[in-house]
Amino acid sequence: MALQELPSALRQLMVRHPRPTSRCLTPISRRYASSEAAAVQEEASEDLMDLESDSALTSTAEPATKVADYDPIKRVENRKGQLPPSRYQYRSPRYYRGPLHPHQPPPSSDPASREFVPGPFSHTRLEQTWQSTIAQDLMTLNYVHKPPGTVDHVKSERLRTWDDSSPYHKNRPKRGPRGPEGVLRMIEQDITWRNIPTLTGIVVHSMVKGAADDSSHLHVAGMALQAVTGVRPKVHRVKHGVSQFGIRENMPISLTCTLERQQAWDFLDKCINLVLPKIKDWDGVEGTTGDSSGNITWGYTREGAMLFPEIEVNYDMYPPKLIPGFHVTVQTSAKSDRHARLLLAAMGLPFKGKLID
């Protein structure tokens, strides 16, 4: 078959003058100072002579009976009873049944885990900047020197105790902080090499008001968010209807995209260096934003969403009046808004106004 595929002139030359490959492997006569070196050379020449003398072009084909008897499916069936299937066909548990269950799911870093995600195969530009520059700068700028023997200031109790004015106060748990929320905030800790703030994830949320009257608003918003973030959005439905706004129960009204790992770094880099500088008269993110737990939020209007490169390069695909605005919540490992602002400011995100920790 190989000779038939060659041109006719070359095929004739190959048939007329077949040259074995052993001619190229003839030993070269050399003079050696010792007899041991000559013996080694003779053994090497004999090994070369034992190689196959015919090339692939002149070799004969396999017999037809051997080709007809080849059946890979039959070989697999005959091999089934040789190895125990339970040992080589492991499947991790689908559900976590508690710490005392005999079958525990492997960690997400194990390739056998159902939650295993390969990678990262490369780091984004912003993540490399954080590893090489920002992390060391944050640790240096926030260093607090405490000489040996320094006594820490006594902090007030976060939970309120009972005054024991009633016998029912005995052995009761402490009360939460005052106020309608009654939620304990995280305690800000000094930045060390163990807890340098970093990016953990980003949540993009869009409340589509026009979806109450026309579902096309929700479809266009989903296409725009998926193009911007690279993640398929999750649809949220209304739990309680509001007749004044024309919202009925179980109506799809909003979209959410959750970004993690490399996608979060790419999206944050795109927001800081591409989109936000294009917005006219934009001074920065409000200093009052944040949830006191290290998460910072800002928003894009419809005009700001049009500045994303995925929408700007294909602007005719989206009706201008149906492109939604959305909020971006940056989740960090910081325990306070002050440390989260330090991290984002080092990445190039400006803040304005009064800063509230």
Protein backbone atom coordinates (compact mmCIF):
# COMPACT_ATOMS: atom_id res chain seq x y z
CA MET A 1 0.00 0.00 0.00
CA ALA A 2 2.84 2.37 0.80
CA LEU A 3 4.40 1.81 -2.66
CA GLN A 4 1.12 2.54 -4.44
CA GLU A 5 0.83 5.91 -2.75
CA LEU A 6 4.26 7.03 -3.99
CA PRO A 7 4.72 8.69 -7.39
CA SER A 8 5.27 6.29 -10.29
CA ALA A 9 8.90 7.30 -10.98
CA LEU A 10 9.92 6.95 -7.34
CA ARG A 11 8.07 3.63 -7.06
CA GLN A 12 10.01 2.23 -10.02
CA LEU A 13 13.32 3.24 -8.49
CA MET A 14 12.42 1.58 -5.22
CA VAL A 15 11.44 -1.66 -6.96
CA ARG A 16 14.50 -1.77 -9.21
CA HIS A 17 17.13 -0.87 -6.65
CA PRO A 18 16.13 -2.03 -3.17
CA ARG A 19 18.85 -1.10 -0.77
CA PRO A 20 18.95 -2.75 2.62
CA THR A 21 19.49 -0.49 5.58
CA SER A 22 22.34 -2.64 6.83
CA ARG A 23 24.75 -0.93 4.43
CA CYS A 24 24.47 2.27 6.39
CA LEU A 25 25.32 0.41 9.56
CA THR A 26 28.69 -1.02 8.43
CA PRO A 27 31.30 -0.72 11.15
CA ILE A 28 34.05 1.80 10.76
CA SER A 29 37.57 0.42 11.19
CA ARG A 30 39.57 2.29 13.79
CA ARG A 31 42.77 1.66 15.64
CA TYR A 32 42.64 1.50 19.43
CA ALA A 33 45.46 1.55 21.91
CA SER A 34 44.07 -1.41 23.88
CA SER A 35 42.49 -4.72 22.92
CA GLU A 36 39.50 -4.11 25.29
CA ALA A 37 38.35 -1.07 23.31
CA ALA A 38 38.56 -3.08 20.08
CA ALA A 39 36.43 -5.86 21.60
CA VAL A 40 33.79 -3.34 22.66
CA GLN A 41 33.71 -1.92 19.14
CA GLU A 42 33.25 -5.38 17.62
CA GLU A 43 30.31 -6.15 19.94
CA ALA A 44 28.63 -2.85 19.02
CA SER A 45 29.04 -3.59 15.31
CA GLU A 46 27.48 -7.04 15.76
CA ASP A 47 24.49 -5.52 17.55
CA LEU A 48 23.98 -3.09 14.71
CA MET A 49 24.10 -5.90 12.15
CA ASP A 50 21.33 -7.72 14.05
CA LEU A 51 18.87 -4.89 13.43
CA GLU A 52 16.10 -5.25 10.89
CA SER A 53 17.54 -5.06 7.41
CA ASP A 54 14.29 -4.26 5.61
CA SER A 55 12.74 -0.80 5.74
CA ALA A 56 9.06 -0.04 6.21
CA LEU A 57 8.60 0.49 2.47
CA THR A 58 9.84 -3.00 1.51
CA SER A 59 8.46 -4.97 4.49
CA THR A 60 5.70 -7.52 3.87
CA ALA A 61 2.15 -7.04 5.21
CA GLU A 62 0.63 -9.05 8.02
CA PRO A 63 -1.15 -12.26 7.03
CA ALA A 64 -4.89 -11.97 6.43
CA THR A 65 -5.73 -14.59 9.04
CA LYS A 66 -3.99 -12.64 11.79
CA VAL A 67 -5.83 -9.45 10.86
CA ALA A 68 -9.19 -11.23 10.76
CA ASP A 69 -8.69 -12.83 14.16
CA TYR A 70 -7.95 -9.51 15.85
CA ASP A 71 -10.95 -8.61 18.03
CA PRO A 72 -10.29 -6.01 20.78
CA ILE A 73 -13.81 -6.32 22.24
CA LYS A 74 -13.37 -10.05 22.76
CA ARG A 75 -10.03 -9.46 24.47
CA VAL A 76 -11.68 -7.07 26.95
CA GLU A 77 -14.46 -9.55 27.71
CA ASN A 78 -11.94 -12.30 28.43
CA ARG A 79 -10.06 -9.99 30.78
CA LYS A 80 -13.05 -9.09 32.98
CA GLY A 81 -12.62 -11.90 35.47
CA GLN A 82 -8.89 -11.37 35.98
CA LEU A 83 -9.01 -8.18 38.12
CA PRO A 84 -11.45 -7.35 40.96
CA PRO A 85 -13.71 -4.52 39.77
CA SER A 86 -14.10 -2.98 43.24
CA ARG A 87 -10.40 -2.23 43.45
CA TYR A 88 -9.95 -0.54 40.09
CA GLN A 89 -13.36 1.10 39.65
CA TYR A 90 -13.53 3.42 42.66
CA ARG A 91 -16.25 6.06 42.80
CA SER A 92 -16.33 8.68 45.50
CA PRO A 93 -19.53 9.03 47.58
CA ARG A 94 -22.09 11.34 46.07
CA TYR A 95 -23.22 12.80 49.40
CA TYR A 96 -21.40 13.66 52.61
CA ARG A 97 -22.92 11.47 55.33
CA GLY A 98 -21.09 12.88 58.34
CA PRO A 99 -17.63 12.57 59.87
CA LEU A 100 -18.29 9.11 61.36
CA HIS A 101 -19.44 7.43 58.17
CA PRO A 102 -17.00 4.74 56.96
CA HIS A 103 -17.04 6.09 53.39
CA GLN A 104 -15.62 9.61 53.30
CA PRO A 105 -15.41 11.66 50.08
CA PRO A 106 -11.86 12.55 49.06
CA PRO A 107 -10.73 16.19 49.19
CA SER A 108 -11.44 18.42 46.21
CA SER A 109 -7.72 18.35 45.30
CA ASP A 110 -7.88 14.58 44.67
CA PRO A 111 -8.56 13.66 41.00
CA ALA A 112 -11.00 10.98 42.23
CA SER A 113 -13.23 13.63 43.82
CA ARG A 114 -16.43 14.72 42.14
CA GLU A 115 -15.51 18.35 42.87
CA PHE A 116 -12.02 18.10 41.37
CA VAL A 117 -11.11 20.95 39.03
CA PRO A 118 -7.78 20.58 37.20
CA GLY A 119 -5.39 23.48 37.26
CA PRO A 120 -4.45 26.20 37.56
CA PHE A 121 -2.23 25.75 34.52
CA SER A 122 -1.24 29.42 34.44
CA HIS A 123 -1.68 32.52 36.59
CA THR A 124 -3.29 35.75 35.41
CA ARG A 125 -1.36 38.99 35.31
CA LEU A 126 -3.16 40.43 38.35
CA GLU A 127 -2.63 37.26 40.39
CA GLN A 128 1.09 37.26 39.57
CA THR A 129 1.28 40.90 40.64
CA TRP A 130 -0.35 40.02 43.95
CA GLN A 131 2.08 37.16 44.56
CA SER A 132 5.22 39.12 43.62
CA THR A 133 4.48 42.65 44.89
CA ILE A 134 1.14 43.35 46.58
CA ALA A 135 1.32 40.60 49.22
CA GLN A 136 4.75 41.70 50.45
CA ASP A 137 3.75 45.38 50.44
CA LEU A 138 0.59 44.75 52.47
CA MET A 139 2.51 42.76 55.05
CA THR A 140 5.21 45.45 55.30
CA LEU A 141 2.93 48.49 55.43
CA ASN A 142 0.68 46.96 58.11
CA TYR A 143 3.46 45.64 60.31
CA VAL A 144 2.88 46.40 64.01
CA HIS A 145 5.96 45.99 66.17
CA LYS A 146 5.29 44.66 69.66
CA PRO A 147 8.37 44.44 71.88
CA PRO A 148 8.60 41.52 74.29
CA GLY A 149 6.51 42.07 77.38
CA THR A 150 3.95 44.31 75.68
CA VAL A 151 0.56 44.06 77.39
CA ASP A 152 -2.41 44.07 75.04
CA HIS A 153 -5.27 46.41 75.80
CA VAL A 154 -8.27 44.78 77.42
CA LYS A 155 -11.13 44.82 74.97
CA SER A 156 -14.72 45.13 76.04
CA GLU A 157 -16.92 42.07 75.85
CA ARG A 158 -18.72 41.64 72.56
CA LEU A 159 -21.67 39.80 74.15
CA ARG A 160 -23.74 41.41 76.85
CA THR A 161 -24.00 39.63 80.17
CA TRP A 162 -27.00 39.45 82.48
CA ASP A 163 -27.08 41.56 85.64
CA ASP A 164 -28.41 38.66 87.78
CA SER A 165 -31.33 40.77 88.93
CA SER A 166 -33.58 37.76 88.46
CA PRO A 167 -33.09 34.09 89.30
CA TYR A 168 -33.91 33.31 85.67
CA HIS A 169 -30.66 35.02 84.60
CA LYS A 170 -28.51 32.27 86.09
CA ASN A 171 -26.71 30.03 83.55
CA ARG A 172 -28.33 31.82 80.63
CA PRO A 173 -26.22 32.43 77.49
CA LYS A 174 -24.95 35.92 76.82
CA ARG A 175 -26.97 38.31 74.70
CA GLY A 176 -25.95 39.58 71.29
CA PRO A 177 -25.09 43.21 70.50
CA ARG A 178 -27.71 45.92 70.57
CA GLY A 179 -29.50 47.03 67.46
CA PRO A 180 -31.99 45.57 65.01
CA GLU A 181 -29.39 43.34 63.35
CA GLY A 182 -27.86 41.76 66.43
CA VAL A 183 -25.02 40.28 64.32
CA LEU A 184 -21.44 39.95 65.52
CA ARG A 185 -18.92 41.31 63.08
CA MET A 186 -15.53 39.74 62.47
CA ILE A 187 -12.61 40.91 64.60
CA GLU A 188 -9.85 42.61 62.61
CA GLN A 189 -6.52 40.87 63.10
CA ASP A 190 -3.04 42.12 62.33
CA ILE A 191 -1.79 41.15 58.87
CA THR A 192 0.94 38.53 59.05
CA TRP A 193 2.42 36.15 56.52
CA ARG A 194 -0.33 33.68 57.43
CA ASN A 195 -3.39 35.87 56.70
CA ILE A 196 -2.45 38.27 53.89
CA PRO A 197 -5.74 39.41 52.27
CA THR A 198 -6.41 37.93 48.86
CA LEU A 199 -9.26 37.50 46.40
CA THR A 200 -11.55 34.52 47.04
CA GLY A 201 -14.42 35.09 44.61
CA ILE A 202 -16.72 37.54 42.82
CA VAL A 203 -20.52 37.58 42.62
CA VAL A 204 -22.24 39.50 39.80
CA HIS A 205 -25.93 40.20 40.45
CA SER A 206 -28.51 41.91 38.26
CA MET A 207 -32.08 42.80 39.18
CA VAL A 208 -34.03 42.91 35.91
CA LYS A 209 -37.12 45.04 36.56
CA GLY A 210 -38.39 44.77 33.01
CA ALA A 211 -38.74 40.98 33.37
CA ALA A 212 -42.02 41.56 35.26
CA ASP A 213 -43.66 42.76 32.02
CA ASP A 214 -41.59 41.11 29.29
CA SER A 215 -39.43 37.99 29.61
CA SER A 216 -37.17 39.16 26.77
CA HIS A 217 -35.45 41.52 29.23
CA LEU A 218 -34.36 38.51 31.28
CA HIS A 219 -33.07 36.62 28.23
CA VAL A 220 -30.98 39.54 26.99
CA ALA A 221 -29.64 40.14 30.51
CA GLY A 222 -28.62 36.50 30.81
CA MET A 223 -26.80 36.61 27.47
CA ALA A 224 -24.99 39.82 28.45
CA LEU A 225 -23.91 38.53 31.87
CA GLN A 226 -22.74 35.22 30.43
CA ALA A 227 -20.67 37.06 27.80
CA VAL A 228 -19.13 39.40 30.37
CA THR A 229 -18.34 36.85 33.09
CA GLY A 230 -17.96 33.60 31.15
CA VAL A 231 -20.28 31.85 33.64
CA ARG A 232 -23.83 30.75 32.98
CA PRO A 233 -26.10 32.87 35.22
CA LYS A 234 -28.42 31.41 37.80
CA VAL A 235 -32.05 32.59 37.71
CA HIS A 236 -33.75 33.65 40.96
CA ARG A 237 -37.51 33.70 41.41
CA VAL A 238 -39.71 35.90 43.57
CA LYS A 239 -40.66 34.39 46.93
CA HIS A 240 -43.44 36.84 47.82
CA GLY A 241 -45.55 38.69 45.28
CA VAL A 242 -46.02 42.49 45.38
CA SER A 243 -49.16 43.59 43.57
CA GLN A 244 -48.15 47.28 43.58
CA PHE A 245 -45.13 46.52 41.36
CA GLY A 246 -46.86 43.85 39.29
CA ILE A 247 -44.62 41.11 40.70
CA ARG A 248 -46.16 37.71 41.19
CA GLU A 249 -44.91 34.84 43.27
CA ASN A 250 -42.44 32.42 41.62
CA MET A 251 -41.70 34.90 38.81
CA PRO A 252 -38.06 34.98 37.48
CA ILE A 253 -36.74 38.44 38.24
CA SER A 254 -32.95 38.41 38.82
CA LEU A 255 -29.69 36.75 37.73
CA THR A 256 -26.50 35.84 39.58
CA CYS A 257 -23.07 34.73 38.33
CA THR A 258 -20.49 33.33 40.78
CA LEU A 259 -16.85 33.52 39.69
CA GLU A 260 -14.03 31.61 41.37
CA ARG A 261 -10.30 31.08 40.97
CA GLN A 262 -8.87 32.29 37.68
CA GLN A 263 -12.19 33.61 36.35
CA ALA A 264 -12.48 35.94 39.35
CA TRP A 265 -8.95 37.32 38.83
CA ASP A 266 -9.60 37.86 35.11
CA PHE A 267 -12.89 39.66 35.74
CA LEU A 268 -11.41 41.93 38.43
CA ASP A 269 -8.45 42.79 36.20
CA LYS A 270 -10.84 43.63 33.37
CA CYS A 271 -12.97 45.86 35.59
CA ILE A 272 -10.05 47.82 37.06
CA ASN A 273 -7.93 48.32 33.94
CA LEU A 274 -10.42 48.32 31.06
CA VAL A 275 -13.95 49.28 32.07
CA LEU A 276 -13.74 51.69 35.01
CA PRO A 277 -11.25 54.10 33.35
CA LYS A 278 -13.68 54.52 30.42
CA ILE A 279 -16.55 55.77 32.60
CA LYS A 280 -16.84 59.54 32.39
CA ASP A 281 -16.79 61.59 35.61
CA TRP A 282 -16.11 58.52 37.71
CA ASP A 283 -14.19 59.38 40.89
CA GLY A 284 -14.00 55.95 42.45
CA VAL A 285 -15.86 53.52 44.66
CA GLU A 286 -17.67 54.93 47.67
CA GLY A 287 -15.73 54.48 50.91
CA THR A 288 -18.93 53.57 52.75
CA THR A 289 -19.44 50.37 50.76
CA GLY A 290 -18.74 47.03 52.41
CA ASP A 291 -20.38 44.64 54.84
CA SER A 292 -17.77 44.91 57.65
CA SER A 293 -16.54 41.41 56.73
CA GLY A 294 -14.10 42.14 53.92
CA ASN A 295 -16.50 42.25 50.95
CA ILE A 296 -16.65 45.34 48.71
CA THR A 297 -19.48 46.10 46.27
CA TRP A 298 -19.93 48.59 43.45
CA GLY A 299 -22.31 48.82 40.52
CA TYR A 300 -22.43 49.43 36.77
CA THR A 301 -25.23 51.28 35.05
CA ARG A 302 -26.49 50.32 31.61
CA GLU A 303 -23.99 52.70 30.01
CA GLY A 304 -21.18 51.22 32.09
CA ALA A 305 -22.12 47.66 31.12
CA MET A 306 -21.83 48.62 27.45
CA LEU A 307 -18.14 49.42 27.97
CA PHE A 308 -17.18 45.80 28.62
CA PRO A 309 -15.16 44.50 25.65
CA GLU A 310 -17.40 41.44 25.17
CA ILE A 311 -20.43 43.70 24.62
CA GLU A 312 -18.61 46.56 22.93
CA VAL A 313 -17.13 44.37 20.20
CA ASN A 314 -20.54 42.84 19.41
CA TYR A 315 -22.82 45.72 20.27
CA ASP A 316 -25.37 44.99 17.51
CA MET A 317 -26.22 41.64 19.12
CA TYR A 318 -27.83 43.26 22.19
CA PRO A 319 -30.75 45.73 22.06
CA PRO A 320 -29.45 48.88 23.83
CA LYS A 321 -32.57 49.35 25.95
CA LEU A 322 -32.46 45.75 27.21
CA ILE A 323 -28.82 45.69 28.37
CA PRO A 324 -28.97 45.57 32.20
CA GLY A 325 -26.89 47.17 34.88
CA PHE A 326 -25.46 44.96 37.60
CA HIS A 327 -23.65 44.93 40.92
CA VAL A 328 -20.20 43.41 41.49
CA THR A 329 -19.37 42.05 44.95
CA VAL A 330 -15.68 41.28 45.48
CA GLN A 331 -15.19 38.66 48.19
CA THR A 332 -11.82 38.73 49.95
CA SER A 333 -10.20 36.79 52.79
CA ALA A 334 -9.89 39.99 54.85
CA LYS A 335 -11.77 40.26 58.15
CA SER A 336 -12.58 43.98 57.86
CA ASP A 337 -13.43 46.51 55.18
CA ARG A 338 -10.21 48.44 55.89
CA HIS A 339 -8.01 45.50 54.90
CA ALA A 340 -10.22 44.77 51.88
CA ARG A 341 -9.85 48.38 50.70
CA LEU A 342 -6.08 48.15 51.16
CA LEU A 343 -6.02 45.09 48.92
CA LEU A 344 -8.19 46.58 46.17
CA ALA A 345 -6.42 49.95 46.33
CA ALA A 346 -3.09 48.19 45.81
CA MET A 347 -4.58 46.53 42.73
CA GLY A 348 -5.56 49.94 41.31
CA LEU A 349 -9.16 50.48 42.47
CA PRO A 350 -9.65 54.05 43.83
CA PHE A 351 -11.95 54.95 46.73
CA LYS A 352 -13.59 58.28 47.49
CA GLY A 353 -15.45 59.96 50.31
CA LYS A 354 -15.40 59.02 53.95
CA LEU A 355 -13.91 55.63 54.68
CA ILE A 356 -15.95 53.60 57.18
CA ASP A 357 -14.43 50.48 58.66
